[in-house]
Amino acid sequence: METLLPIIVQVVTGIIGGQAVGAAIKQAAMSQLPKILSGAIGGVAGGAILGKLMNAGIDPAAVAGAVSGGSFNVENIVGGLGGGAILTAIVGAVMNSMKK
């Protein structure tokens, strides 16, 4: 459960980020399924990338003690939101260009 909870947090926050971008960018006209899938995939990728960047050259124990609330730490939440939003925006732009 210790390794599964961060992934769940990244997926949920990625979906939230994807839904926010999907609502903000009306010209993409995406249905719910692409927004959910791209948000979830982007959330996991963004959380993983940000986690690697935050732990590079920094003592992980110090970071965990400073910002951790279990698995609900900064890189999982912010990385999930950002990754989900970015990938959803990219997918929306690609889908929009394919319609033309």
PDB file of N, CA and C in Angstrom:
ATOM      1  N   MET A   1       0.828  -1.198   0.000  1.00  0.00           N
ATOM      2  CA  MET A   1       0.000   0.000   0.000  1.00  0.00           C
ATOM      3  C   MET A   1       0.868   1.255   0.000  1.00  0.00           C
ATOM      4  N   GLU A   2       2.082   1.129   0.525  1.00  0.00           N
ATOM      5  CA  GLU A   2       2.994   2.269   0.594  1.00  0.00           C
ATOM      6  C   GLU A   2       3.397   2.759  -0.800  1.00  0.00           C
ATOM      7  N   THR A   3       3.513   1.863  -1.764  1.00  0.00           N
ATOM      8  CA  THR A   3       3.882   2.274  -3.120  1.00  0.00           C
ATOM      9  C   THR A   3       2.664   2.596  -3.980  1.00  0.00           C
ATOM     10  N   LEU A   4       1.509   2.108  -3.614  1.00  0.00           N
ATOM     11  CA  LEU A   4       0.303   2.324  -4.413  1.00  0.00           C
ATOM     12  C   LEU A   4      -0.340   3.684  -4.131  1.00  0.00           C
ATOM     13  N   LEU A   5      -0.260   4.156  -2.900  1.00  0.00           N
ATOM     14  CA  LEU A   5      -0.919   5.406  -2.530  1.00  0.00           C
ATOM     15  C   LEU A   5      -0.382   6.629  -3.280  1.00  0.00           C
ATOM     16  N   PRO A   6       0.938   6.771  -3.472  1.00  0.00           N
ATOM     17  CA  PRO A   6       1.397   7.926  -4.264  1.00  0.00           C
ATOM     18  C   PRO A   6       0.885   7.906  -5.697  1.00  0.00           C
ATOM     19  N   ILE A   7       0.776   6.722  -6.289  1.00  0.00           N
ATOM     20  CA  ILE A   7       0.267   6.624  -7.654  1.00  0.00           C
ATOM     21  C   ILE A   7      -1.202   7.021  -7.709  1.00  0.00           C
ATOM     22  N   ILE A   8      -1.965   6.606  -6.705  1.00  0.00           N
ATOM     23  CA  ILE A   8      -3.382   6.980  -6.649  1.00  0.00           C
ATOM     24  C   ILE A   8      -3.525   8.494  -6.509  1.00  0.00           C
ATOM     25  N   VAL A   9      -2.689   9.107  -5.681  1.00  0.00           N
ATOM     26  CA  VAL A   9      -2.724  10.563  -5.502  1.00  0.00           C
ATOM     27  C   VAL A   9      -2.379  11.245  -6.824  1.00  0.00           C
ATOM     28  N   GLN A  10      -1.370  10.745  -7.541  1.00  0.00           N
ATOM     29  CA  GLN A  10      -0.981  11.330  -8.816  1.00  0.00           C
ATOM     30  C   GLN A  10      -2.084  11.193  -9.862  1.00  0.00           C
ATOM     31  N   VAL A  11      -2.748  10.040  -9.900  1.00  0.00           N
ATOM     32  CA  VAL A  11      -3.834   9.829 -10.866  1.00  0.00           C
ATOM     33  C   VAL A  11      -4.991  10.773 -10.579  1.00  0.00           C
ATOM     34  N   VAL A  12      -5.392  10.877  -9.320  1.00  0.00           N
ATOM     35  CA  VAL A  12      -6.536  11.732  -8.958  1.00  0.00           C
ATOM     36  C   VAL A  12      -6.223  13.203  -9.222  1.00  0.00           C
ATOM     37  N   THR A  13      -5.047  13.660  -8.816  1.00  0.00           N
ATOM     38  CA  THR A  13      -4.706  15.063  -9.057  1.00  0.00           C
ATOM     39  C   THR A  13      -4.488  15.329 -10.546  1.00  0.00           C
ATOM     40  N   GLY A  14      -3.998  14.333 -11.283  1.00  0.00           N
ATOM     41  CA  GLY A  14      -3.862  14.482 -12.730  1.00  0.00           C
ATOM     42  C   GLY A  14      -5.205  14.634 -13.406  1.00  0.00           C
ATOM     43  N   ILE A  15      -6.185  13.857 -12.972  1.00  0.00           N
ATOM     44  CA  ILE A  15      -7.539  13.982 -13.527  1.00  0.00           C
ATOM     45  C   ILE A  15      -8.115  15.357 -13.212  1.00  0.00           C
ATOM     46  N   ILE A  16      -7.877  15.852 -12.013  1.00  0.00           N
ATOM     47  CA  ILE A  16      -8.357  17.189 -11.645  1.00  0.00           C
ATOM     48  C   ILE A  16      -7.700  18.250 -12.527  1.00  0.00           C
ATOM     49  N   GLY A  17      -6.388  18.140 -12.730  1.00  0.00           N
ATOM     50  CA  GLY A  17      -5.694  19.087 -13.604  1.00  0.00           C
ATOM     51  C   GLY A  17      -6.175  19.006 -15.045  1.00  0.00           C
ATOM     52  N   GLY A  18      -6.412  17.793 -15.519  1.00  0.00           N
ATOM     53  CA  GLY A  18      -6.918  17.616 -16.880  1.00  0.00           C
ATOM     54  C   GLY A  18      -8.308  18.180 -17.060  1.00  0.00           C
ATOM     55  N   GLN A  19      -9.166  17.998 -16.078  1.00  0.00           N
ATOM     56  CA  GLN A  19     -10.526  18.546 -16.148  1.00  0.00           C
ATOM     57  C   GLN A  19     -10.493  20.072 -16.128  1.00  0.00           C
ATOM     58  N   ALA A  20      -9.586  20.637 -15.348  1.00  0.00           N
ATOM     59  CA  ALA A  20      -9.487  22.096 -15.273  1.00  0.00           C
ATOM     60  C   ALA A  20      -9.053  22.678 -16.609  1.00  0.00           C
ATOM     61  N   VAL A  21      -8.058  22.057 -17.235  1.00  0.00           N
ATOM     62  CA  VAL A  21      -7.604  22.544 -18.537  1.00  0.00           C
ATOM     63  C   VAL A  21      -8.675  22.314 -19.594  1.00  0.00           C
ATOM     64  N   GLY A  22      -9.341  21.170 -19.543  1.00  0.00           N
ATOM     65  CA  GLY A  22     -10.405  20.886 -20.496  1.00  0.00           C
ATOM     66  C   GLY A  22     -11.549  21.888 -20.399  1.00  0.00           C
ATOM     67  N   ALA A  23     -11.839  22.324 -19.192  1.00  0.00           N
ATOM     68  CA  ALA A  23     -12.893  23.323 -19.016  1.00  0.00           C
ATOM     69  C   ALA A  23     -12.436  24.706 -19.451  1.00  0.00           C
ATOM     70  N   ALA A  24     -11.151  24.985 -19.254  1.00  0.00           N
ATOM     71  CA  ALA A  24     -10.628  26.310 -19.596  1.00  0.00           C
ATOM     72  C   ALA A  24     -10.439  26.485 -21.099  1.00  0.00           C
ATOM     73  N   ILE A  25     -10.085  25.418 -21.783  1.00  0.00           N
ATOM     74  CA  ILE A  25      -9.833  25.493 -23.220  1.00  0.00           C
ATOM     75  C   ILE A  25     -11.045  24.914 -23.938  1.00  0.00           C
ATOM     76  N   LYS A  26     -11.965  25.755 -24.270  1.00  0.00           N
ATOM     77  CA  LYS A  26     -13.212  25.308 -24.899  1.00  0.00           C
ATOM     78  C   LYS A  26     -13.016  24.919 -26.356  1.00  0.00           C
ATOM     79  N   GLN A  27     -12.028  25.507 -27.050  1.00  0.00           N
ATOM     80  CA  GLN A  27     -11.879  25.217 -28.463  1.00  0.00           C
ATOM     81  C   GLN A  27     -11.374  23.804 -28.714  1.00  0.00           C
ATOM     82  N   ALA A  28     -10.865  23.119 -27.718  1.00  0.00           N
ATOM     83  CA  ALA A  28     -10.409  21.745 -27.909  1.00  0.00           C
ATOM     84  C   ALA A  28     -11.599  20.802 -28.084  1.00  0.00           C
ATOM     85  N   ALA A  29     -12.698  21.092 -27.435  1.00  0.00           N
ATOM     86  CA  ALA A  29     -13.932  20.307 -27.547  1.00  0.00           C
ATOM     87  C   ALA A  29     -13.671  18.821 -27.357  1.00  0.00           C
ATOM     88  N   MET A  30     -13.040  18.475 -26.258  1.00  0.00           N
ATOM     89  CA  MET A  30     -12.729  17.088 -25.944  1.00  0.00           C
ATOM     90  C   MET A  30     -13.880  16.480 -25.149  1.00  0.00           C
ATOM     91  N   SER A  31     -14.106  15.197 -25.352  1.00  0.00           N
ATOM     92  CA  SER A  31     -15.081  14.511 -24.514  1.00  0.00           C
ATOM     93  C   SER A  31     -14.415  14.152 -23.187  1.00  0.00           C
ATOM     94  N   GLN A  32     -15.162  13.555 -22.289  1.00  0.00           N
ATOM     95  CA  GLN A  32     -14.645  13.259 -20.958  1.00  0.00           C
ATOM     96  C   GLN A  32     -13.551  12.182 -20.960  1.00  0.00           C
ATOM     97  N   LEU A  33     -13.692  11.167 -21.797  1.00  0.00           N
ATOM     98  CA  LEU A  33     -12.725  10.071 -21.784  1.00  0.00           C
ATOM     99  C   LEU A  33     -11.299  10.524 -22.099  1.00  0.00           C
ATOM    100  N   PRO A  34     -11.061  11.310 -23.157  1.00  0.00           N
ATOM    101  CA  PRO A  34      -9.687  11.770 -23.388  1.00  0.00           C
ATOM    102  C   PRO A  34      -9.158  12.661 -22.268  1.00  0.00           C
ATOM    103  N   LYS A  35     -10.045  13.478 -21.676  1.00  0.00           N
ATOM    104  CA  LYS A  35      -9.597  14.329 -20.572  1.00  0.00           C
ATOM    105  C   LYS A  35      -9.199  13.498 -19.360  1.00  0.00           C
ATOM    106  N   ILE A  36      -9.991  12.476 -19.058  1.00  0.00           N
ATOM    107  CA  ILE A  36      -9.690  11.631 -17.897  1.00  0.00           C
ATOM    108  C   ILE A  36      -8.416  10.822 -18.136  1.00  0.00           C
ATOM    109  N   LEU A  37      -8.316  10.197 -19.304  1.00  0.00           N
ATOM    110  CA  LEU A  37      -7.143   9.368 -19.583  1.00  0.00           C
ATOM    111  C   LEU A  37      -5.859  10.188 -19.667  1.00  0.00           C
ATOM    112  N   SER A  38      -5.899  11.298 -20.389  1.00  0.00           N
ATOM    113  CA  SER A  38      -4.684  12.106 -20.497  1.00  0.00           C
ATOM    114  C   SER A  38      -4.327  12.744 -19.159  1.00  0.00           C
ATOM    115  N   GLY A  39      -5.325  13.113 -18.374  1.00  0.00           N
ATOM    116  CA  GLY A  39      -5.044  13.663 -17.047  1.00  0.00           C
ATOM    117  C   GLY A  39      -4.418  12.638 -16.125  1.00  0.00           C
ATOM    118  N   ALA A  40      -4.933  11.411 -16.143  1.00  0.00           N
ATOM    119  CA  ALA A  40      -4.389  10.360 -15.282  1.00  0.00           C
ATOM    120  C   ALA A  40      -2.967   9.986 -15.686  1.00  0.00           C
ATOM    121  N   ILE A  41      -2.742   9.798 -16.986  1.00  0.00           N
ATOM    122  CA  ILE A  41      -1.398   9.438 -17.457  1.00  0.00           C
ATOM    123  C   ILE A  41      -0.415  10.579 -17.206  1.00  0.00           C
ATOM    124  N   GLY A  42      -0.837  11.794 -17.507  1.00  0.00           N
ATOM    125  CA  GLY A  42       0.017  12.952 -17.259  1.00  0.00           C
ATOM    126  C   GLY A  42       0.291  13.168 -15.782  1.00  0.00           C
ATOM    127  N   GLY A  43      -0.684  12.853 -14.946  1.00  0.00           N
ATOM    128  CA  GLY A  43      -0.487  13.003 -13.500  1.00  0.00           C
ATOM    129  C   GLY A  43       0.570  12.068 -12.957  1.00  0.00           C
ATOM    130  N   VAL A  44       0.543  10.822 -13.400  1.00  0.00           N
ATOM    131  CA  VAL A  44       1.553   9.864 -12.946  1.00  0.00           C
ATOM    132  C   VAL A  44       2.928  10.260 -13.482  1.00  0.00           C
ATOM    133  N   ALA A  45       2.989  10.648 -14.753  1.00  0.00           N
ATOM    134  CA  ALA A  45       4.271  11.052 -15.332  1.00  0.00           C
ATOM    135  C   ALA A  45       4.806  12.320 -14.673  1.00  0.00           C
ATOM    136  N   GLY A  46       3.942  13.301 -14.481  1.00  0.00           N
ATOM    137  CA  GLY A  46       4.367  14.548 -13.848  1.00  0.00           C
ATOM    138  C   GLY A  46       4.809  14.350 -12.413  1.00  0.00           C
ATOM    139  N   GLY A  47       4.096  13.510 -11.676  1.00  0.00           N
ATOM    140  CA  GLY A  47       4.502  13.216 -10.302  1.00  0.00           C
ATOM    141  C   GLY A  47       5.832  12.503 -10.238  1.00  0.00           C
ATOM    142  N   ALA A  48       6.065  11.588 -11.159  1.00  0.00           N
ATOM    143  CA  ALA A  48       7.336  10.864 -11.185  1.00  0.00           C
ATOM    144  C   ALA A  48       8.490  11.786 -11.557  1.00  0.00           C
ATOM    145  N   ILE A  49       8.267  12.625 -12.565  1.00  0.00           N
ATOM    146  CA  ILE A  49       9.329  13.543 -12.994  1.00  0.00           C
ATOM    147  C   ILE A  49       9.654  14.549 -11.898  1.00  0.00           C
ATOM    148  N   LEU A  50       8.630  15.143 -11.306  1.00  0.00           N
ATOM    149  CA  LEU A  50       8.874  16.126 -10.252  1.00  0.00           C
ATOM    150  C   LEU A  50       9.495  15.478  -9.026  1.00  0.00           C
ATOM    151  N   GLY A  51       9.106  14.244  -8.721  1.00  0.00           N
ATOM    152  CA  GLY A  51       9.712  13.524  -7.600  1.00  0.00           C
ATOM    153  C   GLY A  51      11.192  13.299  -7.814  1.00  0.00           C
ATOM    154  N   LYS A  52      11.575  12.940  -9.034  1.00  0.00           N
ATOM    155  CA  LYS A  52      12.996  12.751  -9.348  1.00  0.00           C
ATOM    156  C   LYS A  52      13.758  14.060  -9.276  1.00  0.00           C
ATOM    157  N   LEU A  53      13.148  15.133  -9.780  1.00  0.00           N
ATOM    158  CA  LEU A  53      13.815  16.428  -9.755  1.00  0.00           C
ATOM    159  C   LEU A  53      13.986  16.958  -8.333  1.00  0.00           C
ATOM    160  N   MET A  54      12.972  16.765  -7.505  1.00  0.00           N
ATOM    161  CA  MET A  54      13.052  17.272  -6.128  1.00  0.00           C
ATOM    162  C   MET A  54      14.034  16.480  -5.282  1.00  0.00           C
ATOM    163  N   ASN A  55      14.203  15.207  -5.578  1.00  0.00           N
ATOM    164  CA  ASN A  55      15.103  14.376  -4.782  1.00  0.00           C
ATOM    165  C   ASN A  55      16.515  14.339  -5.333  1.00  0.00           C
ATOM    166  N   ALA A  56      16.781  14.991  -6.455  1.00  0.00           N
ATOM    167  CA  ALA A  56      18.118  14.984  -7.041  1.00  0.00           C
ATOM    168  C   ALA A  56      19.039  15.902  -6.244  1.00  0.00           C
ATOM    169  N   GLY A  57      20.026  15.324  -5.631  1.00  0.00           N
ATOM    170  CA  GLY A  57      21.005  16.110  -4.895  1.00  0.00           C
ATOM    171  C   GLY A  57      20.540  16.571  -3.526  1.00  0.00           C
ATOM    172  N   ILE A  58      19.365  16.159  -3.112  1.00  0.00           N
ATOM    173  CA  ILE A  58      18.831  16.561  -1.814  1.00  0.00           C
ATOM    174  C   ILE A  58      18.609  15.297  -0.997  1.00  0.00           C
ATOM    175  N   ASP A  59      18.855  15.386   0.272  1.00  0.00           N
ATOM    176  CA  ASP A  59      18.635  14.234   1.143  1.00  0.00           C
ATOM    177  C   ASP A  59      17.139  13.927   1.208  1.00  0.00           C
ATOM    178  N   PRO A  60      16.717  12.749   0.707  1.00  0.00           N
ATOM    179  CA  PRO A  60      15.287  12.423   0.710  1.00  0.00           C
ATOM    180  C   PRO A  60      14.667  12.416   2.102  1.00  0.00           C
ATOM    181  N   ALA A  61      15.447  12.055   3.121  1.00  0.00           N
ATOM    182  CA  ALA A  61      14.904  12.040   4.478  1.00  0.00           C
ATOM    183  C   ALA A  61      14.586  13.454   4.957  1.00  0.00           C
ATOM    184  N   ALA A  62      15.420  14.417   4.580  1.00  0.00           N
ATOM    185  CA  ALA A  62      15.167  15.801   4.973  1.00  0.00           C
ATOM    186  C   ALA A  62      13.947  16.356   4.258  1.00  0.00           C
ATOM    187  N   VAL A  63      13.807  16.028   2.976  1.00  0.00           N
ATOM    188  CA  VAL A  63      12.645  16.480   2.218  1.00  0.00           C
ATOM    189  C   VAL A  63      11.381  15.844   2.778  1.00  0.00           C
ATOM    190  N   ALA A  64      11.438  14.545   3.060  1.00  0.00           N
ATOM    191  CA  ALA A  64      10.274  13.842   3.584  1.00  0.00           C
ATOM    192  C   ALA A  64       9.863  14.409   4.930  1.00  0.00           C
ATOM    193  N   GLY A  65      10.828  14.734   5.759  1.00  0.00           N
ATOM    194  CA  GLY A  65      10.507  15.299   7.062  1.00  0.00           C
ATOM    195  C   GLY A  65       9.947  16.699   6.975  1.00  0.00           C
ATOM    196  N   ALA A  66      10.365  17.451   5.954  1.00  0.00           N
ATOM    197  CA  ALA A  66       9.938  18.844   5.840  1.00  0.00           C
ATOM    198  C   ALA A  66       8.570  18.998   5.186  1.00  0.00           C
ATOM    199  N   VAL A  67       8.297  18.232   4.144  1.00  0.00           N
ATOM    200  CA  VAL A  67       7.076  18.480   3.378  1.00  0.00           C
ATOM    201  C   VAL A  67       6.122  17.305   3.330  1.00  0.00           C
ATOM    202  N   SER A  68       6.450  16.209   3.969  1.00  0.00           N
ATOM    203  CA  SER A  68       5.639  15.010   3.783  1.00  0.00           C
ATOM    204  C   SER A  68       4.498  14.942   4.774  1.00  0.00           C
ATOM    205  N   GLY A  69       3.402  14.450   4.257  1.00  0.00           N
ATOM    206  CA  GLY A  69       2.268  14.082   5.074  1.00  0.00           C
ATOM    207  C   GLY A  69       1.905  12.662   4.683  1.00  0.00           C
ATOM    208  N   GLY A  70       2.858  11.760   4.773  1.00  0.00           N
ATOM    209  CA  GLY A  70       2.658  10.405   4.275  1.00  0.00           C
ATOM    210  C   GLY A  70       2.917  10.383   2.789  1.00  0.00           C
ATOM    211  N   SER A  71       1.975   9.897   2.018  1.00  0.00           N
ATOM    212  CA  SER A  71       2.123   9.857   0.565  1.00  0.00           C
ATOM    213  C   SER A  71       1.573  11.109  -0.099  1.00  0.00           C
ATOM    214  N   PHE A  72       1.010  11.994   0.676  1.00  0.00           N
ATOM    215  CA  PHE A  72       0.446  13.222   0.131  1.00  0.00           C
ATOM    216  C   PHE A  72       1.485  14.327   0.190  1.00  0.00           C
ATOM    217  N   ASN A  73       2.633  14.124  -0.470  1.00  0.00           N
ATOM    218  CA  ASN A  73       3.662  15.134  -0.437  1.00  0.00           C
ATOM    219  C   ASN A  73       3.603  16.016  -1.672  1.00  0.00           C
ATOM    220  N   VAL A  74       4.445  17.007  -1.698  1.00  0.00           N
ATOM    221  CA  VAL A  74       4.385  18.064  -2.698  1.00  0.00           C
ATOM    222  C   VAL A  74       4.544  17.529  -4.110  1.00  0.00           C
ATOM    223  N   GLU A  75       5.521  16.663  -4.336  1.00  0.00           N
ATOM    224  CA  GLU A  75       5.754  16.223  -5.712  1.00  0.00           C
ATOM    225  C   GLU A  75       4.605  15.396  -6.270  1.00  0.00           C
ATOM    226  N   ASN A  76       3.909  14.662  -5.432  1.00  0.00           N
ATOM    227  CA  ASN A  76       2.764  13.891  -5.916  1.00  0.00           C
ATOM    228  C   ASN A  76       1.591  14.791  -6.291  1.00  0.00           C
ATOM    229  N   ILE A  77       1.311  15.774  -5.473  1.00  0.00           N
ATOM    230  CA  ILE A  77       0.164  16.647  -5.719  1.00  0.00           C
ATOM    231  C   ILE A  77       0.449  17.647  -6.835  1.00  0.00           C
ATOM    232  N   VAL A  78       1.529  18.391  -6.727  1.00  0.00           N
ATOM    233  CA  VAL A  78       1.852  19.409  -7.730  1.00  0.00           C
ATOM    234  C   VAL A  78       2.229  18.761  -9.055  1.00  0.00           C
ATOM    235  N   GLY A  79       3.019  17.698  -8.995  1.00  0.00           N
ATOM    236  CA  GLY A  79       3.387  16.995 -10.223  1.00  0.00           C
ATOM    237  C   GLY A  79       2.188  16.387 -10.913  1.00  0.00           C
ATOM    238  N   GLY A  80       1.259  15.836 -10.129  1.00  0.00           N
ATOM    239  CA  GLY A  80       0.047  15.274 -10.702  1.00  0.00           C
ATOM    240  C   GLY A  80      -0.824  16.319 -11.360  1.00  0.00           C
ATOM    241  N   LEU A  81      -1.033  17.440 -10.675  1.00  0.00           N
ATOM    242  CA  LEU A  81      -1.838  18.524 -11.251  1.00  0.00           C
ATOM    243  C   LEU A  81      -1.200  19.076 -12.518  1.00  0.00           C
ATOM    244  N   GLY A  82       0.084  19.373 -12.424  1.00  0.00           N
ATOM    245  CA  GLY A  82       0.783  19.953 -13.579  1.00  0.00           C
ATOM    246  C   GLY A  82       0.883  18.993 -14.749  1.00  0.00           C
ATOM    247  N   GLY A  83       1.251  17.759 -14.472  1.00  0.00           N
ATOM    248  CA  GLY A  83       1.380  16.771 -15.541  1.00  0.00           C
ATOM    249  C   GLY A  83       0.062  16.485 -16.226  1.00  0.00           C
ATOM    250  N   GLY A  84      -1.000  16.365 -15.443  1.00  0.00           N
ATOM    251  CA  GLY A  84      -2.323  16.134 -16.018  1.00  0.00           C
ATOM    252  C   GLY A  84      -2.791  17.296 -16.861  1.00  0.00           C
ATOM    253  N   ALA A  85      -2.533  18.508 -16.387  1.00  0.00           N
ATOM    254  CA  ALA A  85      -2.940  19.694 -17.138  1.00  0.00           C
ATOM    255  C   ALA A  85      -2.153  19.822 -18.432  1.00  0.00           C
ATOM    256  N   ILE A  86      -0.849  19.600 -18.365  1.00  0.00           N
ATOM    257  CA  ILE A  86       0.000  19.754 -19.548  1.00  0.00           C
ATOM    258  C   ILE A  86      -0.352  18.709 -20.608  1.00  0.00           C
ATOM    259  N   LEU A  87      -0.460  17.447 -20.215  1.00  0.00           N
ATOM    260  CA  LEU A  87      -0.755  16.409 -21.201  1.00  0.00           C
ATOM    261  C   LEU A  87      -2.152  16.574 -21.784  1.00  0.00           C
ATOM    262  N   THR A  88      -3.115  17.001 -20.983  1.00  0.00           N
ATOM    263  CA  THR A  88      -4.455  17.237 -21.501  1.00  0.00           C
ATOM    264  C   THR A  88      -4.455  18.388 -22.499  1.00  0.00           C
ATOM    265  N   ALA A  89      -3.693  19.428 -22.228  1.00  0.00           N
ATOM    266  CA  ALA A  89      -3.596  20.542 -23.184  1.00  0.00           C
ATOM    267  C   ALA A  89      -2.967  20.082 -24.492  1.00  0.00           C
ATOM    268  N   ILE A  90      -1.946  19.238 -24.414  1.00  0.00           N
ATOM    269  CA  ILE A  90      -1.303  18.726 -25.626  1.00  0.00           C
ATOM    270  C   ILE A  90      -2.268  17.854 -26.415  1.00  0.00           C
ATOM    271  N   VAL A  91      -2.952  16.948 -25.733  1.00  0.00           N
ATOM    272  CA  VAL A  91      -3.914  16.072 -26.407  1.00  0.00           C
ATOM    273  C   VAL A  91      -5.039  16.897 -27.016  1.00  0.00           C
ATOM    274  N   GLY A  92      -5.504  17.905 -26.316  1.00  0.00           N
ATOM    275  CA  GLY A  92      -6.554  18.775 -26.854  1.00  0.00           C
ATOM    276  C   GLY A  92      -6.103  19.517 -28.096  1.00  0.00           C
ATOM    277  N   ALA A  93      -4.856  19.999 -28.094  1.00  0.00           N
ATOM    278  CA  ALA A  93      -4.336  20.700 -29.271  1.00  0.00           C
ATOM    279  C   ALA A  93      -4.200  19.757 -30.460  1.00  0.00           C
ATOM    280  N   VAL A  94      -3.746  18.538 -30.201  1.00  0.00           N
ATOM    281  CA  VAL A  94      -3.613  17.560 -31.283  1.00  0.00           C
ATOM    282  C   VAL A  94      -4.983  17.186 -31.829  1.00  0.00           C
ATOM    283  N   MET A  95      -5.940  16.937 -30.950  1.00  0.00           N
ATOM    284  CA  MET A  95      -7.289  16.595 -31.397  1.00  0.00           C
ATOM    285  C   MET A  95      -7.926  17.744 -32.178  1.00  0.00           C
ATOM    286  N   ASN A  96      -7.659  18.968 -31.737  1.00  0.00           N
ATOM    287  CA  ASN A  96      -8.209  20.130 -32.413  1.00  0.00           C
ATOM    288  C   ASN A  96      -7.600  20.289 -33.802  1.00  0.00           C
ATOM    289  N   SER A  97      -6.310  20.043 -33.936  1.00  0.00           N
ATOM    290  CA  SER A  97      -5.664  20.178 -35.240  1.00  0.00           C
ATOM    291  C   SER A  97      -6.083  19.055 -36.190  1.00  0.00           C
ATOM    292  N   MET A  98      -6.447  17.887 -35.647  1.00  0.00           N
ATOM    293  CA  MET A  98      -6.881  16.783 -36.494  1.00  0.00           C
ATOM    294  C   MET A  98      -8.285  17.022 -37.055  1.00  0.00           C
ATOM    295  N   LYS A  99      -9.075  17.849 -36.399  1.00  0.00           N
ATOM    296  CA  LYS A  99     -10.430  18.137 -36.863  1.00  0.00           C
ATOM    297  C   LYS A  99     -10.443  19.057 -38.071  1.00  0.00           C
ATOM    298  N   LYS A 100      -9.392  19.831 -38.239  1.00  0.00           N
ATOM    299  CA  LYS A 100      -9.359  20.829 -39.308  1.00  0.00           C
ATOM    300  C   LYS A 100      -8.945  20.223 -40.618  1.00  0.00           C
TER     301      LYS A 100
END
